[in-house]
Protein backbone atom coordinates (compact mmCIF):
# COMPACT_ATOMS: atom_id res chain seq x y z
CA MET A 1 12.19 -78.11 21.99
CA LYS A 2 11.23 -76.12 18.94
CA GLU A 3 8.16 -73.75 19.19
CA ILE A 4 6.09 -72.91 16.08
CA LEU A 5 4.22 -69.69 15.97
CA TYR A 6 1.30 -69.83 13.44
CA ALA A 7 0.44 -66.82 11.28
CA PRO A 8 -2.59 -68.02 8.92
CA TRP A 9 -3.45 -64.69 7.51
CA ARG A 10 0.11 -64.75 5.91
CA THR A 11 -1.03 -67.66 3.43
CA ASP A 12 -2.33 -64.95 0.98
CA TYR A 13 1.30 -63.31 1.00
CA ILE A 14 2.78 -66.66 0.04
CA SER A 15 0.12 -68.10 -2.24
CA GLY A 16 -1.75 -65.19 -3.31
CA GLN A 17 -1.60 -63.57 -6.90
CA PRO A 18 1.02 -61.12 -7.07
CA ILE A 19 0.00 -57.51 -7.92
CA GLU A 20 1.81 -56.22 -11.01
CA GLY A 21 3.42 -52.82 -10.27
CA CYS A 22 2.66 -50.43 -7.46
CA VAL A 23 0.37 -52.13 -4.83
CA PHE A 24 -0.95 -48.76 -3.56
CA CYS A 25 -1.84 -47.62 -7.14
CA HIS A 26 -3.67 -50.99 -7.57
CA ILE A 27 -5.68 -50.27 -4.65
CA SER A 28 -6.33 -46.72 -5.62
CA GLU A 29 -7.59 -47.63 -9.37
CA HIS A 30 -9.86 -50.72 -8.13
CA THR A 31 -12.60 -49.17 -6.26
CA GLU A 32 -14.87 -52.19 -6.96
CA ALA A 33 -12.55 -54.29 -4.80
CA ASP A 34 -12.55 -52.00 -1.88
CA GLU A 35 -13.82 -54.91 0.53
CA GLU A 36 -11.31 -57.32 -0.74
CA LEU A 37 -8.39 -54.94 -0.60
CA HIS A 38 -9.52 -53.90 2.83
CA VAL A 39 -10.16 -50.13 2.12
CA LEU A 40 -11.80 -48.07 4.98
CA TYR A 41 -12.31 -44.87 3.25
CA ARG A 42 -11.55 -43.10 -0.04
CA ASP A 43 -11.92 -39.50 -1.57
CA GLU A 44 -10.68 -37.63 -4.41
CA HIS A 45 -7.17 -37.10 -2.75
CA CYS A 46 -6.41 -40.20 -1.04
CA PHE A 47 -7.58 -43.42 0.66
CA ALA A 48 -7.42 -45.25 3.96
CA VAL A 49 -6.45 -49.01 3.82
CA MET A 50 -5.72 -51.71 6.66
CA ASN A 51 -2.18 -52.76 6.55
CA ARG A 52 -2.19 -56.31 5.32
CA TYR A 53 0.97 -57.01 7.73
CA PRO A 54 0.11 -55.01 10.67
CA TYR A 55 2.27 -54.11 13.77
CA THR A 56 -0.74 -54.19 15.98
CA PRO A 57 -4.52 -54.94 15.33
CA GLY A 58 -5.91 -51.75 13.62
CA HIS A 59 -2.95 -50.65 11.92
CA PHE A 60 -3.89 -48.76 8.81
CA MET A 61 -2.43 -46.34 6.27
CA ILE A 62 -3.64 -43.18 4.52
CA ILE A 63 -2.26 -42.99 1.06
CA PRO A 64 -2.53 -40.48 -1.75
CA HIS A 65 -3.70 -41.62 -5.08
CA LEU A 66 -0.84 -39.85 -6.65
CA HIS A 67 1.80 -42.13 -7.23
CA THR A 68 4.93 -40.39 -5.85
CA GLU A 69 7.93 -41.18 -3.58
CA ALA A 70 8.65 -37.54 -2.72
CA LEU A 71 6.43 -35.89 -0.19
CA GLU A 72 7.73 -32.88 -0.99
CA THR A 73 6.34 -32.75 -4.39
CA LEU A 74 2.81 -33.59 -3.17
CA ASP A 75 0.02 -31.14 -3.93
CA PRO A 76 -0.48 -29.15 -0.66
CA GLU A 77 -4.28 -29.83 -0.96
CA ALA A 78 -3.63 -33.56 -0.66
CA TRP A 79 -1.28 -33.26 1.95
CA LEU A 80 -3.85 -31.22 3.95
CA ARG A 81 -6.53 -33.86 3.29
CA ILE A 82 -4.12 -36.49 4.58
CA SER A 83 -3.27 -34.49 7.59
CA ALA A 84 -7.03 -34.07 8.35
CA LEU A 85 -7.74 -37.75 8.04
CA ALA A 86 -4.83 -38.68 10.23
CA GLN A 87 -6.40 -36.49 13.01
CA GLN A 88 -9.85 -38.32 12.35
CA GLY A 89 -8.09 -41.66 12.23
CA VAL A 90 -6.47 -40.97 15.62
CA ARG A 91 -9.86 -40.28 17.01
CA MET A 92 -11.43 -43.27 15.51
CA LEU A 93 -8.59 -45.67 16.90
CA LYS A 94 -8.97 -43.88 20.42
CA GLU A 95 -12.76 -43.42 21.02
CA GLY A 96 -14.16 -46.27 18.77
CA PHE A 97 -11.29 -48.77 18.85
CA GLY A 98 -10.22 -48.26 22.35
CA ALA A 99 -6.52 -47.57 21.55
CA GLN A 100 -4.53 -45.83 24.51
CA GLY A 101 -2.08 -44.24 22.08
CA VAL A 102 -1.27 -44.10 18.44
CA ASN A 103 2.00 -44.21 16.65
CA ILE A 104 1.92 -42.02 13.29
CA GLY A 105 4.76 -42.12 10.82
CA MET A 106 6.02 -42.05 7.28
CA ASN A 107 9.22 -43.94 6.29
CA LEU A 108 10.36 -41.70 3.01
CA GLY A 109 12.59 -43.62 0.64
CA LYS A 110 14.32 -47.10 1.09
CA ALA A 111 17.19 -45.48 3.14
CA GLY A 112 14.42 -44.01 5.25
CA GLY A 113 13.06 -47.57 6.04
CA ALA A 114 9.95 -47.51 3.60
CA GLY A 115 8.87 -50.99 2.69
CA ILE A 116 7.17 -49.67 -0.47
CA ALA A 117 9.46 -46.71 -1.25
CA GLU A 118 7.85 -45.62 -4.54
CA HIS A 119 4.54 -44.58 -3.10
CA ILE A 120 4.47 -42.50 0.05
CA HIS A 121 2.00 -43.55 2.79
CA LEU A 122 1.38 -42.50 6.37
CA HIS A 123 0.92 -45.25 9.03
CA LEU A 124 -1.30 -45.08 12.04
CA VAL A 125 -0.63 -47.72 14.54
CA PRO A 126 -2.85 -48.11 17.59
CA ARG A 127 -1.12 -48.98 20.90
CA TRP A 128 -2.11 -50.12 24.32
CA GLU A 129 -0.07 -49.97 27.44
CA ARG A 130 2.10 -53.22 27.76
CA ASP A 131 1.44 -54.09 24.16
CA THR A 132 5.19 -54.41 23.19
CA ASN A 133 7.10 -57.54 23.73
CA PHE A 134 10.55 -59.03 22.77
CA MET A 135 9.05 -60.85 19.73
CA THR A 136 9.53 -58.12 17.30
CA ALA A 137 12.76 -56.67 18.43
CA VAL A 138 14.60 -60.20 19.12
CA SER A 139 13.16 -62.51 16.50
CA GLY A 140 11.52 -60.28 13.97
CA THR A 141 8.17 -61.96 14.56
CA ARG A 142 4.95 -60.15 15.31
CA VAL A 143 2.20 -61.69 17.56
CA TYR A 144 -1.29 -60.59 16.31
CA SER A 145 -3.95 -61.40 18.92
CA THR A 146 -7.06 -61.20 16.95
CA ASP A 147 -8.64 -61.90 13.55
CA PHE A 148 -7.58 -59.36 10.76
CA GLU A 149 -11.03 -59.59 9.21
CA LYS A 150 -12.98 -59.01 12.29
CA ILE A 151 -10.76 -55.92 13.02
CA TYR A 152 -11.25 -54.67 9.42
CA ARG A 153 -15.08 -54.97 9.75
CA ARG A 154 -14.95 -53.02 13.03
CA LEU A 155 -13.03 -50.19 11.61
CA LYS A 156 -15.05 -50.13 8.42
CA GLU A 157 -18.14 -49.69 10.71
CA LEU A 158 -16.62 -46.82 12.50
CA ALA A 159 -15.01 -45.25 9.47
CA PRO A 160 -18.25 -43.21 8.18
CA ARG A 161 -18.56 -41.65 11.81
CA TYR A 162 -14.96 -40.35 11.86
CA PHE A 163 -13.80 -39.84 8.50
CA VAL A 164 -15.46 -36.76 7.15
């Protein structure tokens, strides 16, 4: 018997209008579309945005406005701001969203595993005990247990209390 796993949120990925150029620069430059692009927070150095194809519910990224693939060339002030937002984001995911743990990471360069290698970004992935299963490791499939838009609205509501 063949099993089917539905992932309706991926419809936009298949049928949506492709973004020309760097997707992160597009988000950085279009402040008027923050809701549509699922931006949680932005300031003069960087922004926080939901990962459109998350590992777990609540997975978001912190991204500098500067288009660079090299962390080592990033302005130290921007890096300090990204680091501060990472601390605040972890607090938000734990206290406000109920995560029991958080994975934080950057994949630098294509060889380092970056899906979008041309623009650095820091992932924050909320975790819960027993939230891992064989699906991702064996079949390359993720199971997302709740509505993406609902999670975005919840984190967007929490963001002003945590991102300062």
